[in-house]
N, C-alpha and C. Protein backbone atom coordinates (compact mmCIF):
# COMPACT_ATOMS: atom_id res chain seq x y z
N MET A 1 0.86 -1.52 -0.38
CA MET A 1 0.14 -0.06 -0.04
C MET A 1 0.60 0.87 0.20
N ASN A 2 0.58 2.37 -0.83
CA ASN A 2 1.07 3.77 -0.47
C ASN A 2 0.39 4.83 0.44
N GLY A 3 1.42 5.36 0.68
CA GLY A 3 1.02 6.26 2.03
C GLY A 3 0.04 6.59 1.52
N SER A 4 -0.27 7.45 0.02
CA SER A 4 -1.48 8.08 0.14
C SER A 4 -2.84 7.57 0.31
N THR A 5 -2.51 6.08 -0.19
CA THR A 5 -4.07 4.76 -0.29
C THR A 5 -3.59 4.73 1.61
N ALA A 6 -3.25 4.85 2.48
CA ALA A 6 -3.33 4.57 3.92
C ALA A 6 -3.60 5.66 4.32
N LEU A 7 -3.32 7.03 3.97
CA LEU A 7 -4.01 8.40 4.51
C LEU A 7 -5.47 8.18 4.07
N LYS A 8 -5.59 7.85 2.83
CA LYS A 8 -7.26 8.23 2.65
C LYS A 8 -7.89 6.81 3.69
N ILE A 9 -8.14 5.83 3.74
CA ILE A 9 -8.39 5.12 4.74
C ILE A 9 -8.34 5.86 6.07
N LEU A 10 -7.13 6.11 6.82
CA LEU A 10 -7.38 6.08 7.92
C LEU A 10 -8.02 7.89 8.60
N LYS A 11 -8.85 8.22 6.80
CA LYS A 11 -9.33 9.26 7.52
C LYS A 11 -10.92 9.24 7.89
N GLY A 12 -11.39 7.26 7.27
CA GLY A 12 -12.45 6.56 7.19
C GLY A 12 -12.59 6.62 8.74
N ASP A 13 -14.27 6.51 9.01
CA ASP A 13 -14.14 5.86 10.12
C ASP A 13 -14.48 5.09 10.99
N ALA A 14 -13.66 3.33 10.47
CA ALA A 14 -12.75 2.78 10.63
C ALA A 14 -12.28 2.57 12.02
N TYR A 15 -12.57 1.73 13.08
CA TYR A 15 -11.89 1.61 13.95
C TYR A 15 -10.61 1.13 13.88
N TYR A 16 -9.31 1.16 15.35
CA TYR A 16 -7.96 0.17 14.21
C TYR A 16 -8.25 0.88 15.97
N ASP A 17 -7.15 -0.21 16.41
CA ASP A 17 -6.27 0.05 17.72
C ASP A 17 -4.81 0.41 17.45
N VAL A 18 -3.73 -0.36 16.21
CA VAL A 18 -2.74 0.36 16.55
C VAL A 18 -2.94 0.42 15.04
N LEU A 19 -1.62 1.13 14.86
CA LEU A 19 -1.61 1.25 12.84
C LEU A 19 0.10 1.09 13.22
N VAL A 20 0.64 0.40 12.20
CA VAL A 20 2.24 0.12 12.21
C VAL A 20 2.03 0.31 10.67
N VAL A 21 3.26 1.75 10.78
CA VAL A 21 3.39 1.94 9.62
C VAL A 21 4.91 2.51 9.21
N ASP A 22 5.93 1.90 8.59
CA ASP A 22 6.77 1.90 8.07
C ASP A 22 7.15 3.54 7.21
N ASN A 23 8.32 4.04 7.13
CA ASN A 23 8.99 5.24 6.37
C ASN A 23 8.82 5.19 5.63
N GLY A 24 9.51 4.13 5.83
CA GLY A 24 10.00 3.97 3.12
C GLY A 24 8.88 3.65 2.40
N LEU A 25 6.98 3.87 3.11
CA LEU A 25 6.11 3.79 1.84
C LEU A 25 6.04 4.90 0.99
N PRO A 26 6.04 4.38 -0.69
CA PRO A 26 5.82 5.18 -1.77
C PRO A 26 5.03 6.21 -1.20
N GLY A 27 5.23 7.38 -2.33
CA GLY A 27 4.32 8.91 -1.75
C GLY A 27 3.87 8.96 -0.33
N LEU A 28 3.81 9.10 0.44
CA LEU A 28 3.68 9.62 1.26
C LEU A 28 4.61 9.23 2.39
N SER A 29 5.27 9.63 2.59
CA SER A 29 6.11 8.77 3.35
C SER A 29 5.07 8.62 5.11
N GLY A 30 6.15 7.53 5.71
CA GLY A 30 5.03 6.82 7.08
C GLY A 30 5.80 8.02 8.31
N MET A 31 6.55 8.82 7.86
CA MET A 31 6.75 10.60 9.15
C MET A 31 5.72 10.67 8.43
N GLU A 32 5.34 11.39 7.60
CA GLU A 32 4.86 12.05 6.86
C GLU A 32 2.65 11.80 7.50
N ILE A 33 2.67 10.76 7.50
CA ILE A 33 0.87 10.17 7.68
C ILE A 33 1.33 10.60 9.07
N ILE A 34 2.04 9.75 9.48
CA ILE A 34 2.20 10.02 11.01
C ILE A 34 1.78 11.46 11.77
N LYS A 35 2.30 12.39 11.47
CA LYS A 35 2.16 13.21 11.12
C LYS A 35 0.02 14.96 10.87
N ARG A 36 -0.18 14.17 9.88
CA ARG A 36 -1.28 13.83 9.92
C ARG A 36 -2.23 13.50 10.62
N VAL A 37 -2.12 11.95 10.98
CA VAL A 37 -3.18 11.19 11.34
C VAL A 37 -2.74 11.93 12.94
N ARG A 38 -2.46 11.94 13.84
CA ARG A 38 -1.81 12.28 14.96
C ARG A 38 -2.74 14.06 14.68
N GLY A 39 -2.95 14.92 13.75
CA GLY A 39 -3.81 15.96 13.99
C GLY A 39 -5.39 15.64 13.05
N MET A 40 -6.38 14.04 13.37
CA MET A 40 -7.02 13.97 12.90
C MET A 40 -7.68 13.45 14.35
N ALA A 41 -9.19 14.55 14.96
CA ALA A 41 -9.02 13.85 16.14
C ALA A 41 -9.69 12.50 17.03
N HIS A 42 -10.11 11.62 15.42
CA HIS A 42 -10.83 10.52 15.68
C HIS A 42 -9.23 9.42 16.15
N ARG A 43 -8.71 9.96 15.27
CA ARG A 43 -6.76 8.94 15.98
C ARG A 43 -5.76 9.42 16.90
N ARG A 44 -6.24 10.27 17.42
CA ARG A 44 -5.26 10.77 18.30
C ARG A 44 -4.92 9.81 19.16
N GLY A 45 -6.35 8.86 19.65
CA GLY A 45 -6.14 7.97 20.92
C GLY A 45 -5.56 7.15 20.50
N MET A 46 -5.20 6.22 19.14
CA MET A 46 -4.68 5.46 18.08
C MET A 46 -3.25 5.40 18.73
N SER A 47 -2.55 3.95 18.81
CA SER A 47 -1.42 3.36 19.05
C SER A 47 -0.71 3.37 17.26
N ILE A 48 0.59 4.16 17.75
CA ILE A 48 0.91 3.79 16.39
C ILE A 48 2.41 3.63 16.48
N ILE A 49 3.01 2.19 15.88
CA ILE A 49 4.45 2.24 16.04
C ILE A 49 5.00 2.26 14.73
N MET A 50 6.17 3.28 14.60
CA MET A 50 6.89 3.36 13.16
C MET A 50 8.25 1.95 13.55
N LEU A 51 8.04 1.94 11.89
CA LEU A 51 8.67 0.78 11.70
C LEU A 51 10.27 2.00 10.74
N SER A 52 11.29 1.38 10.73
CA SER A 52 12.35 1.92 9.45
C SER A 52 13.86 1.68 10.23
N ALA A 53 13.82 1.60 8.09
CA ALA A 53 15.51 1.53 8.39
C ALA A 53 16.95 2.60 8.92
N ASP A 54 15.88 3.70 8.26
CA ASP A 54 16.47 4.21 8.64
C ASP A 54 16.43 5.06 10.14
N THR A 55 17.97 6.37 10.29
CA THR A 55 18.03 6.64 11.34
C THR A 55 16.55 7.88 11.49
N VAL A 56 16.02 7.88 11.39
CA VAL A 56 14.65 8.78 12.29
C VAL A 56 14.06 8.81 13.22
N GLU A 57 14.37 8.27 14.52
CA GLU A 57 13.50 7.85 15.38
C GLU A 57 13.79 8.97 16.55
N ARG A 58 14.84 9.86 15.89
CA ARG A 58 14.01 11.38 17.04
C ARG A 58 13.06 11.78 16.43
N GLU A 59 12.85 12.86 15.21
CA GLU A 59 11.59 13.09 14.24
C GLU A 59 10.56 12.42 14.36
N ALA A 60 11.06 10.56 14.90
CA ALA A 60 9.15 9.27 14.52
C ALA A 60 9.07 10.08 16.00
N TRP A 61 9.22 9.86 16.81
CA TRP A 61 9.27 10.35 18.45
C TRP A 61 8.85 11.84 18.53
N ARG A 62 9.17 12.28 17.91
CA ARG A 62 8.49 14.20 17.75
C ARG A 62 7.59 13.96 17.17
N SER A 63 7.52 13.10 16.24
CA SER A 63 5.76 13.45 15.44
C SER A 63 5.33 12.79 16.03
N GLY A 64 5.08 11.82 17.27
CA GLY A 64 3.68 10.87 17.40
C GLY A 64 3.63 9.59 17.89
N VAL A 65 4.69 8.77 17.82
CA VAL A 65 5.51 7.47 17.71
C VAL A 65 4.43 7.51 19.10
N ASP A 66 3.92 6.10 19.13
CA ASP A 66 3.81 5.59 20.51
C ASP A 66 5.43 4.68 20.95
N ASP A 67 5.83 4.16 19.28
CA ASP A 67 7.39 3.37 19.82
C ASP A 67 7.31 3.40 18.34
N PHE A 68 8.92 3.08 18.38
CA PHE A 68 9.57 2.92 16.69
C PHE A 68 11.08 1.64 17.27
N LEU A 69 10.87 0.56 16.58
CA LEU A 69 11.30 -0.09 16.11
C LEU A 69 12.10 -0.18 15.07
N LEU A 70 13.59 0.00 14.75
CA LEU A 70 14.15 -0.22 13.75
C LEU A 70 14.69 -1.78 12.50
N LYS A 71 13.95 -1.18 11.49
CA LYS A 71 14.22 -2.91 10.73
C LYS A 71 16.15 -3.46 10.59
N PRO A 72 16.50 -4.28 10.13
CA PRO A 72 15.60 -5.70 11.03
C PRO A 72 15.46 -5.54 12.19
N GLU A 73 16.96 -5.20 13.72
CA GLU A 73 16.65 -5.77 14.20
C GLU A 73 16.00 -5.94 15.34
N ALA A 74 14.46 -4.88 15.61
CA ALA A 74 13.75 -4.92 15.82
C ALA A 74 12.45 -5.61 16.08
N MET A 75 12.26 -6.46 14.43
CA MET A 75 11.16 -7.21 13.95
C MET A 75 10.84 -8.04 15.17
N ASP A 76 11.37 -8.65 15.27
CA ASP A 76 11.17 -9.75 16.00
C ASP A 76 9.85 -9.46 17.79
N LYS A 77 10.42 -8.04 17.78
CA LYS A 77 9.96 -6.85 18.72
C LYS A 77 8.22 -6.88 18.36
N LEU A 78 8.18 -6.53 17.42
CA LEU A 78 6.61 -5.95 16.80
C LEU A 78 5.49 -6.88 17.33
N SER A 79 5.10 -7.75 17.44
CA SER A 79 4.13 -8.15 17.92
C SER A 79 4.14 -8.50 19.58
N SER A 80 5.53 -8.12 20.58
CA SER A 80 5.16 -7.67 21.83
C SER A 80 4.62 -6.57 22.33
N THR A 81 5.29 -5.59 21.24
CA THR A 81 5.46 -3.66 21.21
C THR A 81 3.52 -3.33 21.21
N ILE A 82 2.95 -4.55 20.00
CA ILE A 82 1.62 -3.89 19.95
C ILE A 82 0.86 -4.33 21.37
N ALA A 83 0.71 -5.97 21.93
CA ALA A 83 0.17 -6.61 23.40
C ALA A 83 0.60 -5.30 24.35
N ARG A 84 1.80 -4.63 24.04
CA ARG A 84 2.35 -3.83 25.40
C ARG A 84 1.28 -2.42 25.12
N LEU A 85 1.45 -2.13 23.77
CA LEU A 85 0.34 -1.33 23.26
C LEU A 85 -1.08 -0.97 24.07
N LEU A 86 -1.44 -2.47 23.59
CA LEU A 86 -3.00 -2.99 23.67
C LEU A 86 -3.20 -2.74 25.17
N LYS A 87 -1.91 -3.49 26.13
CA LYS A 87 -2.48 -3.49 27.37
C LYS A 87 -2.38 -2.29 28.00
N GLU A 88 -1.43 -1.52 27.73
CA GLU A 88 -1.75 0.11 28.44
C GLU A 88 -3.12 0.41 27.87
N ARG A 89 -3.44 1.16 26.75
CA ARG A 89 -4.19 1.10 26.38
C ARG A 89 -5.87 0.87 27.18
N ARG A 90 -5.62 -0.15 27.56
CA ARG A 90 -6.76 -1.20 28.47
C ARG A 90 -6.88 -0.96 29.44
N GLY A 91 -5.76 -0.81 30.24
CA GLY A 91 -4.99 -0.33 31.24
C GLY A 91 -5.58 1.90 31.79
N SER A 92 -5.52 2.57 30.64
CA SER A 92 -5.47 3.56 30.94
C SER A 92 -7.02 3.85 30.76
N SER A 93 -8.24 2.96 30.33
CA SER A 93 -9.41 3.53 30.05
C SER A 93 -10.50 2.68 31.28
N GLU A 94 -9.39 2.02 32.30
CA GLU A 94 -10.36 1.74 33.13
C GLU A 94 -10.72 2.34 34.34
């Protein structure tokens, strides 16, 4: 999927718990998607994980990610990161 298509989907009303986005998407970059999503009122509470092989971690945190995973080294942490973010969300809503 390219970044423009992803953004179009995220503008819709479908509910998502977590957005996992690669920075290297064609069209809009993952970083640009994060910045735009964080500006959407209905997406502000959605957890976002960025994957990247580039050294953009600092910028990703400033853009509003909930976690950053460096590819390929941290890819084995993706499922545990998603589980942790979902657990944290459930804990904060109780």
